[in-house]
Amino acid sequence: MKSLIALALMGVSTFAAAASVESSNKSAVQEYTYSTHLDIAKVIDMSTVPNVCEVVPATMTYEDHQGQRHTIEYKVMGNGCSQS
């Protein structure tokens, strides 16, 4: 019985450690403004722009010149507008 409890506690601590590592790898999402200084050395990921005719939020994850990852959210016009 004691070994079962110890095994359960070890599993919980392993899960907590994995969650801590995962949250430290994710950067906080920063809202873009025209005064935001961007130091983009490498773009890692960009969200897909939906096929709607309205302004929608988009995100970009990038690395700066010191190797730090950042995620920024900005507004973009959707791809669903047609020019007639």
N, C-alpha and C. Protein backbone atom coordinates (compact mmCIF):
# COMPACT_ATOMS: atom_id res chain seq x y z
N MET A 1 0.82 -1.20 0.00
CA MET A 1 0.00 0.00 0.00
C MET A 1 0.86 1.26 0.00
N LYS A 2 1.94 1.26 0.81
CA LYS A 2 2.82 2.43 0.87
C LYS A 2 3.49 2.67 -0.49
N SER A 3 3.86 1.58 -1.17
CA SER A 3 4.51 1.74 -2.48
C SER A 3 3.53 2.30 -3.51
N LEU A 4 2.26 1.97 -3.39
CA LEU A 4 1.25 2.50 -4.30
C LEU A 4 1.06 3.99 -4.10
N ILE A 5 1.05 4.42 -2.84
CA ILE A 5 0.93 5.85 -2.53
C ILE A 5 2.17 6.59 -3.02
N ALA A 6 3.35 6.03 -2.80
CA ALA A 6 4.60 6.65 -3.25
C ALA A 6 4.62 6.76 -4.77
N LEU A 7 4.14 5.74 -5.47
CA LEU A 7 4.09 5.77 -6.93
C LEU A 7 3.13 6.84 -7.41
N ALA A 8 1.99 6.98 -6.75
CA ALA A 8 1.01 8.00 -7.12
C ALA A 8 1.59 9.40 -6.91
N LEU A 9 2.27 9.62 -5.79
CA LEU A 9 2.87 10.93 -5.52
C LEU A 9 3.98 11.24 -6.53
N MET A 10 4.74 10.23 -6.92
CA MET A 10 5.81 10.43 -7.90
C MET A 10 5.20 10.84 -9.25
N GLY A 11 4.08 10.23 -9.60
CA GLY A 11 3.41 10.58 -10.86
C GLY A 11 2.90 12.01 -10.85
N VAL A 12 2.35 12.44 -9.70
CA VAL A 12 1.86 13.82 -9.58
C VAL A 12 3.00 14.80 -9.68
N SER A 13 4.13 14.52 -9.04
CA SER A 13 5.27 15.44 -9.10
C SER A 13 5.86 15.50 -10.50
N THR A 14 5.88 14.37 -11.21
CA THR A 14 6.38 14.36 -12.59
C THR A 14 5.48 15.19 -13.49
N PHE A 15 4.15 15.06 -13.30
CA PHE A 15 3.20 15.85 -14.08
C PHE A 15 3.38 17.34 -13.80
N ALA A 16 3.56 17.72 -12.54
CA ALA A 16 3.74 19.13 -12.17
C ALA A 16 5.02 19.69 -12.78
N ALA A 17 6.09 18.90 -12.77
CA ALA A 17 7.36 19.35 -13.35
C ALA A 17 7.23 19.54 -14.85
N ALA A 18 6.52 18.63 -15.53
CA ALA A 18 6.33 18.75 -16.98
C ALA A 18 5.49 19.98 -17.30
N ALA A 19 4.47 20.26 -16.50
CA ALA A 19 3.63 21.44 -16.73
C ALA A 19 4.43 22.71 -16.51
N SER A 20 5.34 22.71 -15.54
CA SER A 20 6.17 23.87 -15.27
C SER A 20 7.12 24.15 -16.44
N VAL A 21 7.73 23.10 -16.99
CA VAL A 21 8.63 23.26 -18.14
C VAL A 21 7.86 23.76 -19.35
N GLU A 22 6.67 23.21 -19.58
CA GLU A 22 5.87 23.64 -20.72
C GLU A 22 5.48 25.09 -20.61
N SER A 23 5.07 25.55 -19.43
CA SER A 23 4.66 26.94 -19.27
C SER A 23 5.85 27.89 -19.38
N SER A 24 7.05 27.45 -18.99
CA SER A 24 8.21 28.33 -19.12
C SER A 24 8.68 28.43 -20.56
N ASN A 25 8.35 27.44 -21.41
CA ASN A 25 8.72 27.50 -22.82
C ASN A 25 7.79 28.41 -23.61
N LYS A 26 6.58 28.63 -23.11
CA LYS A 26 5.63 29.48 -23.80
C LYS A 26 5.85 30.92 -23.36
N SER A 27 5.89 31.82 -24.32
CA SER A 27 6.03 33.22 -23.96
C SER A 27 4.65 33.85 -23.84
N ALA A 28 4.57 34.89 -23.05
CA ALA A 28 3.32 35.62 -22.90
C ALA A 28 3.00 36.33 -24.21
N VAL A 29 1.74 36.36 -24.55
CA VAL A 29 1.32 37.02 -25.79
C VAL A 29 1.29 38.52 -25.55
N GLN A 30 1.99 39.26 -26.40
CA GLN A 30 2.06 40.71 -26.30
C GLN A 30 1.15 41.32 -27.36
N GLU A 31 0.39 42.33 -27.00
CA GLU A 31 -0.49 43.04 -27.93
C GLU A 31 0.35 44.05 -28.72
N TYR A 32 0.28 44.00 -30.05
CA TYR A 32 1.04 44.92 -30.90
C TYR A 32 0.37 46.29 -30.94
N THR A 33 1.18 47.34 -30.83
CA THR A 33 0.75 48.71 -31.10
C THR A 33 1.79 49.32 -32.04
N TYR A 34 1.47 50.46 -32.61
CA TYR A 34 2.42 51.08 -33.54
C TYR A 34 3.72 51.48 -32.87
N SER A 35 3.71 51.65 -31.57
CA SER A 35 4.95 52.01 -30.87
C SER A 35 5.73 50.80 -30.36
N THR A 36 5.24 49.57 -30.63
CA THR A 36 5.94 48.36 -30.19
C THR A 36 7.23 48.19 -30.98
N HIS A 37 8.34 48.04 -30.25
CA HIS A 37 9.63 47.78 -30.90
C HIS A 37 9.73 46.28 -31.19
N LEU A 38 9.94 45.94 -32.44
CA LEU A 38 10.06 44.53 -32.83
C LEU A 38 11.51 44.24 -33.20
N ASP A 39 12.07 43.23 -32.58
CA ASP A 39 13.43 42.76 -32.87
C ASP A 39 13.29 41.33 -33.39
N ILE A 40 12.99 41.20 -34.67
CA ILE A 40 12.69 39.89 -35.25
C ILE A 40 13.91 39.38 -36.01
N ALA A 41 14.50 38.30 -35.50
CA ALA A 41 15.60 37.65 -36.20
C ALA A 41 15.09 36.48 -37.03
N LYS A 42 14.05 35.79 -36.52
CA LYS A 42 13.55 34.60 -37.21
C LYS A 42 12.07 34.42 -36.84
N VAL A 43 11.22 34.27 -37.85
CA VAL A 43 9.81 34.00 -37.62
C VAL A 43 9.65 32.49 -37.41
N ILE A 44 9.02 32.10 -36.31
CA ILE A 44 8.81 30.69 -35.97
C ILE A 44 7.45 30.22 -36.49
N ASP A 45 6.39 31.01 -36.27
CA ASP A 45 5.04 30.60 -36.64
C ASP A 45 4.16 31.81 -36.83
N MET A 46 3.23 31.71 -37.77
CA MET A 46 2.21 32.74 -37.97
C MET A 46 0.87 32.05 -38.06
N SER A 47 -0.15 32.65 -37.43
CA SER A 47 -1.48 32.05 -37.47
C SER A 47 -2.08 32.20 -38.86
N THR A 48 -3.03 31.32 -39.17
CA THR A 48 -3.73 31.37 -40.45
C THR A 48 -4.80 32.45 -40.39
N VAL A 49 -4.88 33.26 -41.42
CA VAL A 49 -5.90 34.32 -41.50
C VAL A 49 -7.17 33.69 -42.05
N PRO A 50 -8.30 33.83 -41.33
CA PRO A 50 -9.54 33.19 -41.79
C PRO A 50 -10.11 33.85 -43.04
N ASN A 51 -10.98 33.13 -43.71
CA ASN A 51 -11.59 33.58 -44.95
C ASN A 51 -12.88 34.34 -44.65
N VAL A 52 -12.75 35.48 -43.97
CA VAL A 52 -13.87 36.35 -43.62
C VAL A 52 -13.56 37.76 -44.08
N CYS A 53 -14.58 38.59 -44.19
CA CYS A 53 -14.37 39.98 -44.61
C CYS A 53 -14.55 40.90 -43.41
N GLU A 54 -13.61 40.82 -42.49
CA GLU A 54 -13.61 41.67 -41.31
C GLU A 54 -12.22 41.64 -40.68
N VAL A 55 -11.99 42.55 -39.77
CA VAL A 55 -10.71 42.59 -39.06
C VAL A 55 -10.72 41.50 -38.01
N VAL A 56 -9.64 40.70 -37.99
CA VAL A 56 -9.54 39.57 -37.07
C VAL A 56 -8.17 39.59 -36.38
N PRO A 57 -8.08 38.96 -35.21
CA PRO A 57 -6.76 38.87 -34.56
C PRO A 57 -5.89 37.80 -35.22
N ALA A 58 -4.61 38.07 -35.25
CA ALA A 58 -3.63 37.12 -35.76
C ALA A 58 -2.45 37.12 -34.80
N THR A 59 -1.67 36.04 -34.81
CA THR A 59 -0.50 35.97 -33.95
C THR A 59 0.73 35.56 -34.74
N MET A 60 1.86 36.00 -34.24
CA MET A 60 3.15 35.62 -34.81
C MET A 60 4.09 35.29 -33.66
N THR A 61 4.78 34.17 -33.78
CA THR A 61 5.81 33.79 -32.81
C THR A 61 7.15 33.94 -33.51
N TYR A 62 8.08 34.62 -32.84
CA TYR A 62 9.38 34.87 -33.46
C TYR A 62 10.48 34.82 -32.42
N GLU A 63 11.72 34.71 -32.90
CA GLU A 63 12.91 34.80 -32.05
C GLU A 63 13.57 36.13 -32.29
N ASP A 64 14.03 36.77 -31.21
CA ASP A 64 14.77 38.02 -31.37
C ASP A 64 16.26 37.69 -31.57
N HIS A 65 17.09 38.72 -31.67
CA HIS A 65 18.51 38.51 -31.95
C HIS A 65 19.28 37.90 -30.77
N GLN A 66 18.67 37.83 -29.59
CA GLN A 66 19.30 37.17 -28.45
C GLN A 66 18.78 35.74 -28.28
N GLY A 67 17.93 35.28 -29.20
CA GLY A 67 17.42 33.91 -29.14
C GLY A 67 16.18 33.74 -28.27
N GLN A 68 15.61 34.83 -27.77
CA GLN A 68 14.41 34.77 -26.95
C GLN A 68 13.17 34.68 -27.83
N ARG A 69 12.22 33.82 -27.47
CA ARG A 69 10.98 33.69 -28.23
C ARG A 69 9.93 34.66 -27.72
N HIS A 70 9.18 35.23 -28.64
CA HIS A 70 8.10 36.17 -28.33
C HIS A 70 6.89 35.80 -29.17
N THR A 71 5.71 36.05 -28.64
CA THR A 71 4.47 35.90 -29.40
C THR A 71 3.75 37.23 -29.34
N ILE A 72 3.36 37.71 -30.50
CA ILE A 72 2.69 39.00 -30.58
C ILE A 72 1.35 38.82 -31.28
N GLU A 73 0.34 39.52 -30.78
CA GLU A 73 -0.98 39.48 -31.40
C GLU A 73 -1.23 40.83 -32.07
N TYR A 74 -1.78 40.80 -33.25
CA TYR A 74 -2.06 42.02 -34.01
C TYR A 74 -3.36 41.82 -34.77
N LYS A 75 -3.85 42.87 -35.36
CA LYS A 75 -5.10 42.81 -36.14
C LYS A 75 -4.77 42.79 -37.63
N VAL A 76 -5.55 42.02 -38.37
CA VAL A 76 -5.35 41.89 -39.81
C VAL A 76 -6.71 41.76 -40.48
N MET A 77 -6.81 42.20 -41.71
CA MET A 77 -8.06 42.04 -42.46
C MET A 77 -8.14 40.61 -42.98
N GLY A 78 -9.30 39.98 -42.80
CA GLY A 78 -9.49 38.61 -43.25
C GLY A 78 -9.36 38.48 -44.76
N ASN A 79 -9.20 37.27 -45.24
CA ASN A 79 -9.01 37.01 -46.67
C ASN A 79 -10.31 36.86 -47.45
N GLY A 80 -11.46 37.11 -46.83
CA GLY A 80 -12.74 36.84 -47.48
C GLY A 80 -13.34 38.01 -48.23
N CYS A 81 -12.66 39.11 -48.36
CA CYS A 81 -13.21 40.27 -49.06
C CYS A 81 -12.89 40.18 -50.55
N SER A 82 -13.87 40.38 -51.39
CA SER A 82 -13.61 40.37 -52.83
C SER A 82 -13.74 41.78 -53.38
N GLN A 83 -12.96 42.06 -54.36
CA GLN A 83 -12.99 43.38 -55.00
C GLN A 83 -13.84 43.26 -56.27
N SER A 84 -14.99 43.94 -56.30
CA SER A 84 -15.86 43.88 -57.46
C SER A 84 -15.87 45.19 -58.20
